[in-house]
C-alpha atoms as a PDB file:
ATOM      1  CA  MET A   1     -24.532   9.266  19.712  1.00  0.00           C
ATOM      2  CA  SER A   2     -22.021   8.638  22.499  1.00  0.00           C
ATOM      3  CA  VAL A   3     -18.520  10.071  22.669  1.00  0.00           C
ATOM      4  CA  ASP A   4     -17.129   6.558  23.161  1.00  0.00           C
ATOM      5  CA  LEU A   5     -18.628   5.483  19.843  1.00  0.00           C
ATOM      6  CA  ILE A   6     -17.080   8.451  18.046  1.00  0.00           C
ATOM      7  CA  VAL A   7     -13.669   7.759  19.587  1.00  0.00           C
ATOM      8  CA  GLN A   8     -13.962   4.093  18.606  1.00  0.00           C
ATOM      9  CA  ALA A   9     -14.718   5.112  15.005  1.00  0.00           C
ATOM     10  CA  ILE A  10     -11.735   7.474  14.963  1.00  0.00           C
ATOM     11  CA  VAL A  11      -9.410   4.783  16.307  1.00  0.00           C
ATOM     12  CA  SER A  12     -10.648   2.313  13.685  1.00  0.00           C
ATOM     13  CA  GLY A  13     -10.298   4.946  10.981  1.00  0.00           C
ATOM     14  CA  ILE A  14      -6.689   5.697  11.914  1.00  0.00           C
ATOM     15  CA  THR A  15      -5.844   1.989  11.951  1.00  0.00           C
ATOM     16  CA  ASN A  16      -7.417   1.411   8.532  1.00  0.00           C
ATOM     17  CA  GLY A  17      -5.812   4.607   7.287  1.00  0.00           C
ATOM     18  CA  PHE A  18      -2.303   3.351   7.989  1.00  0.00           C
ATOM     19  CA  VAL A  19      -3.040   0.128   6.103  1.00  0.00           C
ATOM     20  CA  TYR A  20      -4.252   2.164   3.126  1.00  0.00           C
ATOM     21  CA  ALA A  21      -1.188   4.373   3.568  1.00  0.00           C
ATOM     22  CA  LEU A  22       1.183   1.468   2.999  1.00  0.00           C
ATOM     23  CA  ILE A  23      -0.720   0.518  -0.162  1.00  0.00           C
ATOM     24  CA  GLY A  24      -0.855   4.139  -1.324  1.00  0.00           C
ATOM     25  CA  VAL A  25       2.836   4.669  -0.582  1.00  0.00           C
ATOM     26  CA  GLY A  26       3.646   1.611  -2.700  1.00  0.00           C
ATOM     27  CA  ILE A  27       1.584   2.991  -5.587  1.00  0.00           C
ATOM     28  CA  ALA A  28       3.263   6.388  -5.254  1.00  0.00           C
ATOM     29  CA  ILE A  29       6.744   4.823  -5.057  1.00  0.00           C
ATOM     30  CA  ILE A  30       6.243   2.996  -8.342  1.00  0.00           C
ATOM     31  CA  PHE A  31       4.650   5.997 -10.057  1.00  0.00           C
ATOM     32  CA  LYS A  32       7.368   8.317  -8.778  1.00  0.00           C
ATOM     33  CA  GLY A  33      10.109   6.054 -10.112  1.00  0.00           C
ATOM     34  CA  THR A  34       8.568   4.849 -13.383  1.00  0.00           C
ATOM     35  CA  ARG A  35       5.458   6.963 -14.158  1.00  0.00           C
ATOM     36  CA  ILE A  36       3.472   3.721 -14.237  1.00  0.00           C
ATOM     37  CA  ILE A  37       0.123   3.579 -12.446  1.00  0.00           C
ATOM     38  CA  ASN A  38       0.219   0.203 -10.732  1.00  0.00           C
ATOM     39  CA  ALA A  39      -3.310  -1.208 -10.625  1.00  0.00           C
ATOM     40  CA  MET A  40      -2.140  -4.413  -8.935  1.00  0.00           C
ATOM     41  CA  GLN A  41      -0.592  -2.979  -5.759  1.00  0.00           C
ATOM     42  CA  GLY A  42      -3.217  -4.668  -3.594  1.00  0.00           C
ATOM     43  CA  GLU A  43      -2.195  -8.034  -5.025  1.00  0.00           C
ATOM     44  CA  PHE A  44       1.240  -7.597  -3.444  1.00  0.00           C
ATOM     45  CA  ALA A  45      -0.610  -7.416  -0.127  1.00  0.00           C
ATOM     46  CA  VAL A  46      -2.447 -10.640  -0.927  1.00  0.00           C
ATOM     47  CA  ILE A  47       0.842 -12.334  -1.864  1.00  0.00           C
ATOM     48  CA  GLY A  48       2.566 -11.181   1.313  1.00  0.00           C
ATOM     49  CA  GLY A  49      -0.310 -12.183   3.563  1.00  0.00           C
ATOM     50  CA  MET A  50      -0.903 -15.558   1.903  1.00  0.00           C
ATOM     51  CA  VAL A  51       2.771 -16.544   1.847  1.00  0.00           C
ATOM     52  CA  ALA A  52       3.141 -15.643   5.528  1.00  0.00           C
ATOM     53  CA  VAL A  53      -0.001 -17.635   6.402  1.00  0.00           C
ATOM     54  CA  PHE A  54       1.110 -20.794   4.604  1.00  0.00           C
ATOM     55  CA  ALA A  55       4.708 -20.500   5.813  1.00  0.00           C
ATOM     56  CA  LEU A  56       3.398 -20.351   9.377  1.00  0.00           C
ATOM     57  CA  GLN A  57       0.507 -22.797   9.240  1.00  0.00           C
ATOM     58  CA  SER A  58       1.467 -25.312   6.547  1.00  0.00           C
ATOM     59  CA  ALA A  59       5.262 -25.283   6.750  1.00  0.00           C
ATOM     60  CA  GLY A  60       5.334 -24.748  10.501  1.00  0.00           C
ATOM     61  CA  LEU A  61       7.997 -22.054  10.302  1.00  0.00           C
ATOM     62  CA  PRO A  62       8.513 -19.523  13.110  1.00  0.00           C
ATOM     63  CA  TYR A  63       6.283 -16.455  12.870  1.00  0.00           C
ATOM     64  CA  ALA A  64       9.211 -14.080  12.350  1.00  0.00           C
ATOM     65  CA  LEU A  65      10.555 -16.160   9.462  1.00  0.00           C
ATOM     66  CA  ALA A  66       7.071 -16.415   7.941  1.00  0.00           C
ATOM     67  CA  ILE A  67       6.831 -12.610   7.980  1.00  0.00           C
ATOM     68  CA  VAL A  68      10.245 -12.284   6.326  1.00  0.00           C
ATOM     69  CA  LEU A  69       9.216 -14.755   3.622  1.00  0.00           C
ATOM     70  CA  GLY A  70       5.966 -12.867   3.021  1.00  0.00           C
ATOM     71  CA  ILE A  71       7.800  -9.565   2.557  1.00  0.00           C
ATOM     72  CA  ALA A  72      10.404 -11.258   0.347  1.00  0.00           C
ATOM     73  CA  ALA A  73       7.629 -12.759  -1.796  1.00  0.00           C
ATOM     74  CA  GLY A  74       6.046  -9.351  -2.332  1.00  0.00           C
ATOM     75  CA  ALA A  75       9.381  -7.755  -3.195  1.00  0.00           C
ATOM     76  CA  ALA A  76      10.306 -10.620  -5.530  1.00  0.00           C
ATOM     77  CA  SER A  77       6.928 -10.348  -7.256  1.00  0.00           C
ATOM     78  CA  GLY A  78       7.487  -6.656  -7.906  1.00  0.00           C
ATOM     79  CA  LEU A  79      10.978  -7.304  -9.269  1.00  0.00           C
ATOM     80  CA  ALA A  80       9.758 -10.185 -11.462  1.00  0.00           C
ATOM     81  CA  ILE A  81       7.008  -8.037 -12.973  1.00  0.00           C
ATOM     82  CA  ASP A  82       9.561  -5.397 -13.892  1.00  0.00           C
ATOM     83  CA  LEU A  83      12.013  -7.883 -15.421  1.00  0.00           C
ATOM     84  CA  LEU A  84       9.454 -10.029 -17.253  1.00  0.00           C
ATOM     85  CA  PHE A  85       6.939  -7.442 -18.409  1.00  0.00           C
ATOM     86  CA  VAL A  86       7.832  -3.807 -17.818  1.00  0.00           C
ATOM     87  CA  GLN A  87      11.363  -3.793 -19.215  1.00  0.00           C
ATOM     88  CA  PRO A  88      10.473  -5.640 -22.454  1.00  0.00           C
ATOM     89  CA  MET A  89       7.539  -3.277 -23.002  1.00  0.00           C
ATOM     90  CA  THR A  90       9.748  -0.268 -22.259  1.00  0.00           C
ATOM     91  CA  ARG A  91      12.274  -1.390 -24.872  1.00  0.00           C
ATOM     92  CA  ARG A  92       9.442  -1.542 -27.409  1.00  0.00           C
ATOM     93  CA  GLY A  93       8.274   1.966 -26.557  1.00  0.00           C
ATOM     94  CA  ALA A  94       4.986   1.029 -24.901  1.00  0.00           C
ATOM     95  CA  SER A  95       2.640   3.858 -23.932  1.00  0.00           C
ATOM     96  CA  GLU A  96       1.455   4.735 -20.415  1.00  0.00           C
ATOM     97  CA  GLU A  97      -1.938   3.266 -21.281  1.00  0.00           C
ATOM     98  CA  SER A  98      -0.298  -0.033 -22.195  1.00  0.00           C
ATOM     99  CA  PHE A  99       1.394  -0.248 -18.811  1.00  0.00           C
ATOM    100  CA  LEU A 100      -1.888   0.499 -17.049  1.00  0.00           C
ATOM    101  CA  LEU A 101      -3.573  -2.267 -19.020  1.00  0.00           C
ATOM    102  CA  LEU A 102      -0.663  -4.565 -18.118  1.00  0.00           C
ATOM    103  CA  THR A 103      -1.066  -4.009 -14.379  1.00  0.00           C
ATOM    104  CA  ILE A 104      -4.841  -4.439 -14.591  1.00  0.00           C
ATOM    105  CA  GLY A 105      -4.375  -7.759 -16.381  1.00  0.00           C
ATOM    106  CA  LEU A 106      -1.743  -8.877 -13.886  1.00  0.00           C
ATOM    107  CA  ALA A 107      -4.072  -7.984 -11.014  1.00  0.00           C
ATOM    108  CA  PHE A 108      -6.696 -10.409 -12.322  1.00  0.00           C
ATOM    109  CA  ALA A 109      -4.057 -13.049 -13.073  1.00  0.00           C
ATOM    110  CA  LEU A 110      -2.569 -12.867  -9.564  1.00  0.00           C
ATOM    111  CA  SER A 111      -6.027 -12.931  -8.007  1.00  0.00           C
ATOM    112  CA  ALA A 112      -6.768 -16.112  -9.960  1.00  0.00           C
ATOM    113  CA  ALA A 113      -3.420 -17.572  -8.851  1.00  0.00           C
ATOM    114  CA  ALA A 114      -4.258 -16.782  -5.219  1.00  0.00           C
ATOM    115  CA  LEU A 115      -7.603 -18.542  -5.684  1.00  0.00           C
ATOM    116  CA  TYR A 116      -5.894 -21.576  -7.228  1.00  0.00           C
ATOM    117  CA  PHE A 117      -3.213 -21.970  -4.578  1.00  0.00           C
ATOM    118  CA  GLY A 118      -5.046 -20.616  -1.544  1.00  0.00           C
ATOM    119  CA  GLY A 119      -8.618 -21.601  -2.271  1.00  0.00           C
ATOM    120  CA  ARG A 120     -11.717 -19.626  -1.392  1.00  0.00           C
ATOM    121  CA  ASP A 121     -11.089 -19.737   2.342  1.00  0.00           C
ATOM    122  CA  SER A 122     -10.045 -16.657   4.269  1.00  0.00           C
ATOM    123  CA  HIS A 123      -6.912 -16.834   6.393  1.00  0.00           C
ATOM    124  CA  LEU A 124      -5.753 -15.092   9.568  1.00  0.00           C
ATOM    125  CA  LEU A 125      -2.338 -14.507  11.080  1.00  0.00           C
ATOM    126  CA  PRO A 126      -1.738 -14.305  14.843  1.00  0.00           C
ATOM    127  CA  ALA A 127      -2.030 -10.763  16.154  1.00  0.00           C
ATOM    128  CA  ILE A 128       0.969  -8.974  17.608  1.00  0.00           C
ATOM    129  CA  GLY A 129       0.275  -8.886  21.320  1.00  0.00           C
ATOM    130  CA  GLY A 130      -2.242 -11.705  21.089  1.00  0.00           C
ATOM    131  CA  ASP A 131      -5.763 -10.751  22.167  1.00  0.00           C
ATOM    132  CA  GLY A 132      -4.548  -7.829  24.261  1.00  0.00           C
ATOM    133  CA  VAL A 133      -6.616  -4.650  24.188  1.00  0.00           C
ATOM    134  CA  ILE A 134      -5.742  -1.100  25.214  1.00  0.00           C
ATOM    135  CA  GLU A 135      -8.402   1.230  26.602  1.00  0.00           C
ATOM    136  CA  PHE A 136      -8.164   4.708  25.105  1.00  0.00           C
ATOM    137  CA  LEU A 137     -10.732   7.405  26.021  1.00  0.00           C
ATOM    138  CA  GLY A 138     -13.405   4.759  26.361  1.00  0.00           C
ATOM    139  CA  ALA A 139     -12.509   2.981  23.122  1.00  0.00           C
ATOM    140  CA  ALA A 140     -11.014  -0.504  22.886  1.00  0.00           C
ATOM    141  CA  MET A 141      -7.926  -0.710  20.696  1.00  0.00           C
ATOM    142  CA  PRO A 142      -6.249  -4.055  19.984  1.00  0.00           C
ATOM    143  CA  VAL A 143      -2.545  -4.165  20.759  1.00  0.00           C
ATOM    144  CA  HIS A 144      -1.993  -5.292  17.177  1.00  0.00           C
ATOM    145  CA  ALA A 145      -3.597  -2.077  15.898  1.00  0.00           C
ATOM    146  CA  VAL A 146      -1.163  -0.031  18.008  1.00  0.00           C
ATOM    147  CA  ALA A 147       1.733  -2.065  16.644  1.00  0.00           C
ATOM    148  CA  LEU A 148       0.411  -1.643  13.091  1.00  0.00           C
ATOM    149  CA  ILE A 149       0.293   2.136  13.437  1.00  0.00           C
ATOM    150  CA  ALA A 150       3.776   2.265  14.988  1.00  0.00           C
ATOM    151  CA  ILE A 151       5.301   0.006  12.316  1.00  0.00           C
ATOM    152  CA  ALA A 152       3.639   1.871   9.454  1.00  0.00           C
ATOM    153  CA  ALA A 153       4.744   5.242  10.821  1.00  0.00           C
ATOM    154  CA  ALA A 154       8.310   3.967  11.255  1.00  0.00           C
ATOM    155  CA  LEU A 155       8.360   2.633   7.695  1.00  0.00           C
ATOM    156  CA  VAL A 156       7.133   5.939   6.284  1.00  0.00           C
ATOM    157  CA  LEU A 157       9.771   7.887   8.209  1.00  0.00           C
ATOM    158  CA  GLY A 158      12.365   5.347   7.125  1.00  0.00           C
ATOM    159  CA  LEU A 159      11.302   5.834   3.514  1.00  0.00           C
ATOM    160  CA  ARG A 160      11.830   9.578   3.874  1.00  0.00           C
ATOM    161  CA  PHE A 161      15.328   8.958   5.216  1.00  0.00           C
ATOM    162  CA  PHE A 162      16.009   6.457   2.430  1.00  0.00           C
ATOM    163  CA  TYR A 163      15.102   8.902  -0.355  1.00  0.00           C
ATOM    164  CA  THR A 164      16.934  11.890   1.122  1.00  0.00           C
ATOM    165  CA  ARG A 165      19.953  10.455   2.943  1.00  0.00           C
ATOM    166  CA  THR A 166      21.117   7.262   1.191  1.00  0.00           C
ATOM    167  CA  LEU A 167      23.029   6.969  -2.072  1.00  0.00           C
ATOM    168  CA  ILE A 168      20.594   4.454  -3.549  1.00  0.00           C
ATOM    169  CA  GLY A 169      17.584   6.551  -2.567  1.00  0.00           C
ATOM    170  CA  LEU A 170      19.118   9.692  -4.066  1.00  0.00           C
ATOM    171  CA  ALA A 171      19.987   7.764  -7.221  1.00  0.00           C
ATOM    172  CA  MET A 172      16.406   6.488  -7.496  1.00  0.00           C
ATOM    173  CA  THR A 173      15.110  10.040  -7.118  1.00  0.00           C
ATOM    174  CA  ALA A 174      17.535  11.342  -9.739  1.00  0.00           C
ATOM    175  CA  ALA A 175      16.604   8.547 -12.150  1.00  0.00           C
ATOM    176  CA  SER A 176      12.917   9.394 -11.759  1.00  0.00           C
ATOM    177  CA  LEU A 177      13.321  13.161 -12.193  1.00  0.00           C
ATOM    178  CA  ASP A 178      15.852  13.223 -15.048  1.00  0.00           C
ATOM    179  CA  PRO A 179      16.647   9.814 -16.572  1.00  0.00           C
ATOM    180  CA  ASP A 180      18.989  11.228 -19.222  1.00  0.00           C
ATOM    181  CA  GLY A 181      20.904  13.362 -16.743  1.00  0.00           C
ATOM    182  CA  ALA A 182      21.116  10.447 -14.314  1.00  0.00           C
ATOM    183  CA  THR A 183      22.511   8.207 -17.048  1.00  0.00           C
ATOM    184  CA  THR A 184      25.246  10.710 -17.889  1.00  0.00           C
ATOM    185  CA  SER A 185      26.118  10.803 -14.178  1.00  0.00           C
ATOM    186  CA  GLY A 186      26.741   7.065 -14.176  1.00  0.00           C
ATOM    187  CA  ILE A 187      23.439   5.982 -12.617  1.00  0.00           C
ATOM    188  CA  ASN A 188      21.954   2.775 -13.976  1.00  0.00           C
ATOM    189  CA  VAL A 189      18.397   4.010 -14.581  1.00  0.00           C
ATOM    190  CA  ARG A 190      17.065   0.572 -15.474  1.00  0.00           C
ATOM    191  CA  ARG A 191      18.388  -0.878 -12.214  1.00  0.00           C
ATOM    192  CA  MET A 192      16.889   1.999 -10.220  1.00  0.00           C
ATOM    193  CA  ARG A 193      13.510   1.335 -11.772  1.00  0.00           C
ATOM    194  CA  SER A 194      13.795  -2.346 -10.912  1.00  0.00           C
ATOM    195  CA  LEU A 195      14.538  -1.369  -7.314  1.00  0.00           C
ATOM    196  CA  THR A 196      11.455   0.842  -7.420  1.00  0.00           C
ATOM    197  CA  PHE A 197       9.240  -2.146  -8.228  1.00  0.00           C
ATOM    198  CA  LEU A 198      11.006  -4.225  -5.592  1.00  0.00           C
ATOM    199  CA  LEU A 199      10.393  -1.537  -2.963  1.00  0.00           C
ATOM    200  CA  GLY A 200       6.762  -1.090  -4.004  1.00  0.00           C
ATOM    201  CA  GLY A 201       6.175  -4.842  -3.791  1.00  0.00           C
ATOM    202  CA  ALA A 202       7.730  -4.967  -0.329  1.00  0.00           C
ATOM    203  CA  PHE A 203       5.486  -2.158   0.968  1.00  0.00           C
ATOM    204  CA  GLY A 204       2.422  -3.913  -0.414  1.00  0.00           C
ATOM    205  CA  ALA A 205       3.408  -7.202   1.219  1.00  0.00           C
ATOM    206  CA  ILE A 206       3.997  -5.510   4.583  1.00  0.00           C
ATOM    207  CA  ALA A 207       0.513  -3.987   4.379  1.00  0.00           C
ATOM    208  CA  GLY A 208      -0.967  -7.422   3.711  1.00  0.00           C
ATOM    209  CA  ILE A 209       0.882  -9.032   6.607  1.00  0.00           C
ATOM    210  CA  LEU A 210      -0.139  -6.279   9.024  1.00  0.00           C
ATOM    211  CA  VAL A 211      -3.812  -6.354   8.050  1.00  0.00           C
ATOM    212  CA  THR A 212      -4.209 -10.152   8.005  1.00  0.00           C
ATOM    213  CA  PRO A 213      -4.515 -10.482  11.809  1.00  0.00           C
ATOM    214  CA  LEU A 214      -7.373  -7.918  11.696  1.00  0.00           C
ATOM    215  CA  LEU A 215      -9.123  -8.861   8.456  1.00  0.00           C
ATOM    216  CA  ALA A 216      -9.021 -12.406   7.131  1.00  0.00           C
ATOM    217  CA  MET A 217      -7.021 -12.448   3.901  1.00  0.00           C
ATOM    218  CA  ASN A 218      -8.467 -14.006   0.766  1.00  0.00           C
ATOM    219  CA  TYR A 219      -7.953 -13.868  -2.980  1.00  0.00           C
ATOM    220  CA  GLN A 220     -10.579 -11.124  -3.440  1.00  0.00           C
ATOM    221  CA  MET A 221      -9.038  -8.479  -1.183  1.00  0.00           C
ATOM    222  CA  GLY A 222      -6.487  -7.158  -3.674  1.00  0.00           C
ATOM    223  CA  ILE A 223      -8.786  -4.969  -5.761  1.00  0.00           C
ATOM    224  CA  GLY A 224     -10.358  -3.328  -2.710  1.00  0.00           C
ATOM    225  CA  LEU A 225      -6.979  -2.502  -1.199  1.00  0.00           C
ATOM    226  CA  THR A 226      -5.750  -1.168  -4.540  1.00  0.00           C
ATOM    227  CA  LEU A 227      -8.716   1.188  -4.864  1.00  0.00           C
ATOM    228  CA  LYS A 228      -8.302   2.503  -1.313  1.00  0.00           C
ATOM    229  CA  GLY A 229      -4.557   2.913  -1.749  1.00  0.00           C
ATOM    230  CA  PHE A 230      -4.997   4.623  -5.108  1.00  0.00           C
ATOM    231  CA  ALA A 231      -7.507   7.052  -3.618  1.00  0.00           C
ATOM    232  CA  ALA A 232      -5.041   7.810  -0.825  1.00  0.00           C
ATOM    233  CA  ALA A 233      -2.201   8.359  -3.285  1.00  0.00           C
ATOM    234  CA  ILE A 234      -4.305  10.687  -5.443  1.00  0.00           C
ATOM    235  CA  LEU A 235      -5.350  12.702  -2.401  1.00  0.00           C
ATOM    236  CA  GLY A 236      -1.776  13.135  -1.242  1.00  0.00           C
ATOM    237  CA  GLY A 237      -0.215  13.648  -4.654  1.00  0.00           C
ATOM    238  CA  LEU A 238       0.598  10.652  -6.823  1.00  0.00           C
ATOM    239  CA  THR A 239       4.294  11.532  -7.103  1.00  0.00           C
ATOM    240  CA  ASN A 240       4.683  12.034  -3.350  1.00  0.00           C
ATOM    241  CA  PRO A 241       4.834   8.748  -1.392  1.00  0.00           C
ATOM    242  CA  LEU A 242       4.618  10.559   1.934  1.00  0.00           C
ATOM    243  CA  GLY A 243       1.559  12.514   0.829  1.00  0.00           C
ATOM    244  CA  ALA A 244      -0.263   9.203   0.466  1.00  0.00           C
ATOM    245  CA  VAL A 245      -0.211   8.906   4.261  1.00  0.00           C
ATOM    246  CA  ALA A 246      -2.256  12.087   4.671  1.00  0.00           C
ATOM    247  CA  GLY A 247      -4.696  10.945   2.005  1.00  0.00           C
ATOM    248  CA  ALA A 248      -4.999   7.507   3.582  1.00  0.00           C
ATOM    249  CA  LEU A 249      -5.780   8.898   7.034  1.00  0.00           C
ATOM    250  CA  VAL A 250      -8.492  11.121   5.580  1.00  0.00           C
ATOM    251  CA  LEU A 251      -9.956   8.143   3.720  1.00  0.00           C
ATOM    252  CA  GLY A 252      -9.811   5.851   6.755  1.00  0.00           C
ATOM    253  CA  LEU A 253     -11.464   8.412   9.018  1.00  0.00           C
ATOM    254  CA  ALA A 254     -14.101   9.256   6.409  1.00  0.00           C
ATOM    255  CA  GLU A 255     -15.249   5.669   5.970  1.00  0.00           C
ATOM    256  CA  SER A 256     -15.218   4.916   9.716  1.00  0.00           C
ATOM    257  CA  LEU A 257     -17.154   8.053  10.655  1.00  0.00           C
ATOM    258  CA  ALA A 258     -19.598   7.421   7.804  1.00  0.00           C
ATOM    259  CA  VAL A 259     -20.776   4.271   9.611  1.00  0.00           C
ATOM    260  CA  LEU A 260     -22.007   6.452  12.475  1.00  0.00           C
ATOM    261  CA  GLY A 261     -24.613   8.126  10.296  1.00  0.00           C
ATOM    262  CA  PHE A 262     -25.267   5.607   7.541  1.00  0.00           C
ATOM    263  CA  PRO A 263     -25.716   1.830   7.243  1.00  0.00           C
ATOM    264  CA  SER A 264     -22.384   0.028   6.969  1.00  0.00           C
ATOM    265  CA  GLY A 265     -23.150  -0.982   3.386  1.00  0.00           C
ATOM    266  CA  TYR A 266     -22.942   2.684   2.369  1.00  0.00           C
ATOM    267  CA  ARG A 267     -19.551   3.218   4.026  1.00  0.00           C
ATOM    268  CA  ASP A 268     -17.500   3.197   0.839  1.00  0.00           C
ATOM    269  CA  VAL A 269     -20.060   5.262  -1.073  1.00  0.00           C
ATOM    270  CA  VAL A 270     -20.067   8.018   1.532  1.00  0.00           C
ATOM    271  CA  ALA A 271     -16.291   7.998   2.004  1.00  0.00           C
ATOM    272  CA  LEU A 272     -15.452   8.083  -1.701  1.00  0.00           C
ATOM    273  CA  SER A 273     -18.114  10.748  -2.322  1.00  0.00           C
ATOM    274  CA  MET A 274     -16.381  12.886   0.284  1.00  0.00           C
ATOM    275  CA  LEU A 275     -13.090  12.332  -1.519  1.00  0.00           C
ATOM    276  CA  ILE A 276     -14.622  13.523  -4.784  1.00  0.00           C
ATOM    277  CA  VAL A 277     -15.716  16.727  -3.079  1.00  0.00           C
ATOM    278  CA  ILE A 278     -12.240  17.190  -1.593  1.00  0.00           C
ATOM    279  CA  MET A 279     -10.614  16.772  -5.010  1.00  0.00           C
ATOM    280  CA  ILE A 280     -13.012  19.305  -6.548  1.00  0.00           C
ATOM    281  CA  VAL A 281     -12.113  21.833  -3.856  1.00  0.00           C
ATOM    282  CA  LEU A 282      -8.401  20.867  -3.742  1.00  0.00           C
ATOM    283  CA  PRO A 283      -7.525  19.565  -7.230  1.00  0.00           C
ATOM    284  CA  ASN A 284      -3.810  19.398  -6.370  1.00  0.00           C
ATOM    285  CA  GLY A 285      -4.433  17.179  -3.371  1.00  0.00           C
ATOM    286  CA  LEU A 286      -4.422  17.808   0.340  1.00  0.00           C
ATOM    287  CA  LEU A 287      -0.827  19.052   0.451  1.00  0.00           C
ATOM    288  CA  GLY A 288      -0.992  21.393  -2.529  1.00  0.00           C
ATOM    289  CA  ARG A 289       0.971  21.669  -5.760  1.00  0.00           C
ATOM    290  CA  ALA A 290       4.416  22.043  -4.174  1.00  0.00           C
ATOM    291  CA  ALA A 291       4.013  18.923  -2.034  1.00  0.00           C
ATOM    292  CA  ARG A 292       3.171  16.809  -5.076  1.00  0.00           C
ATOM    293  CA  ARG A 293       6.851  16.930  -5.977  1.00  0.00           C
ATOM    294  CA  GLY A 294       7.878  15.707  -2.530  1.00  0.00           C
ATOM    295  CA  GLY A 295       8.807  12.317  -1.228  1.00  0.00           C
END
């Protein structure tokens, strides 16, 4: 096995890991703010990618505007789900299991909607940097992959700043940790939770837009992205959005390196088996019990 092949697998794993990180961060954001496990996070990626594709190709809009519309569609979808489904169920005292069932049902409904409006075809967006490739230690890395990693890293750092340095971010954190205390302090907890869904939808849409130039987007991709993002979030601590990045990188590297020793069809089996072992050894996640409260 050549060193170049190993480096290529590592580069691919890091790239995939940052895509999973954006999905996992979105899952962790929503769970942190509402204690709802969102089983439809990958569908936000499908919405963002599909809207950007059709805005660019069918409507003929500039690429930058198509990206903005894709992100806006993901954010609006998250907000609509909160207003139309989550808030009415919350007022009726729905259980955590009911919310999980809700998001599972919505995942199938949105997948069917993507099939209806987008068809069975897979769609690609133009890559950032075109077909440019960067040579790195003998491995070929598309310019778009470099841009994806840089954008994802910037978003994660920006999220940290948002939660710790802005009034809205601090209010969202307070509303998630102590809703009653936040209410007495004048914080509108319901509005903060709506913003949580909006933010989670936006992160999912950004992930979809960034991955669509590398992997053709179609109506079936949502469930796979959700599972990878959920695994990443669990590894990093479900209440810690930033911990999802560490979990996602481990997952991305595990599945890419697994291809070196096993047929590609066993990639997910090997990677997820490794994650099971990690969780047995480290039941509080990669960052430990204290880090699970982070974000």
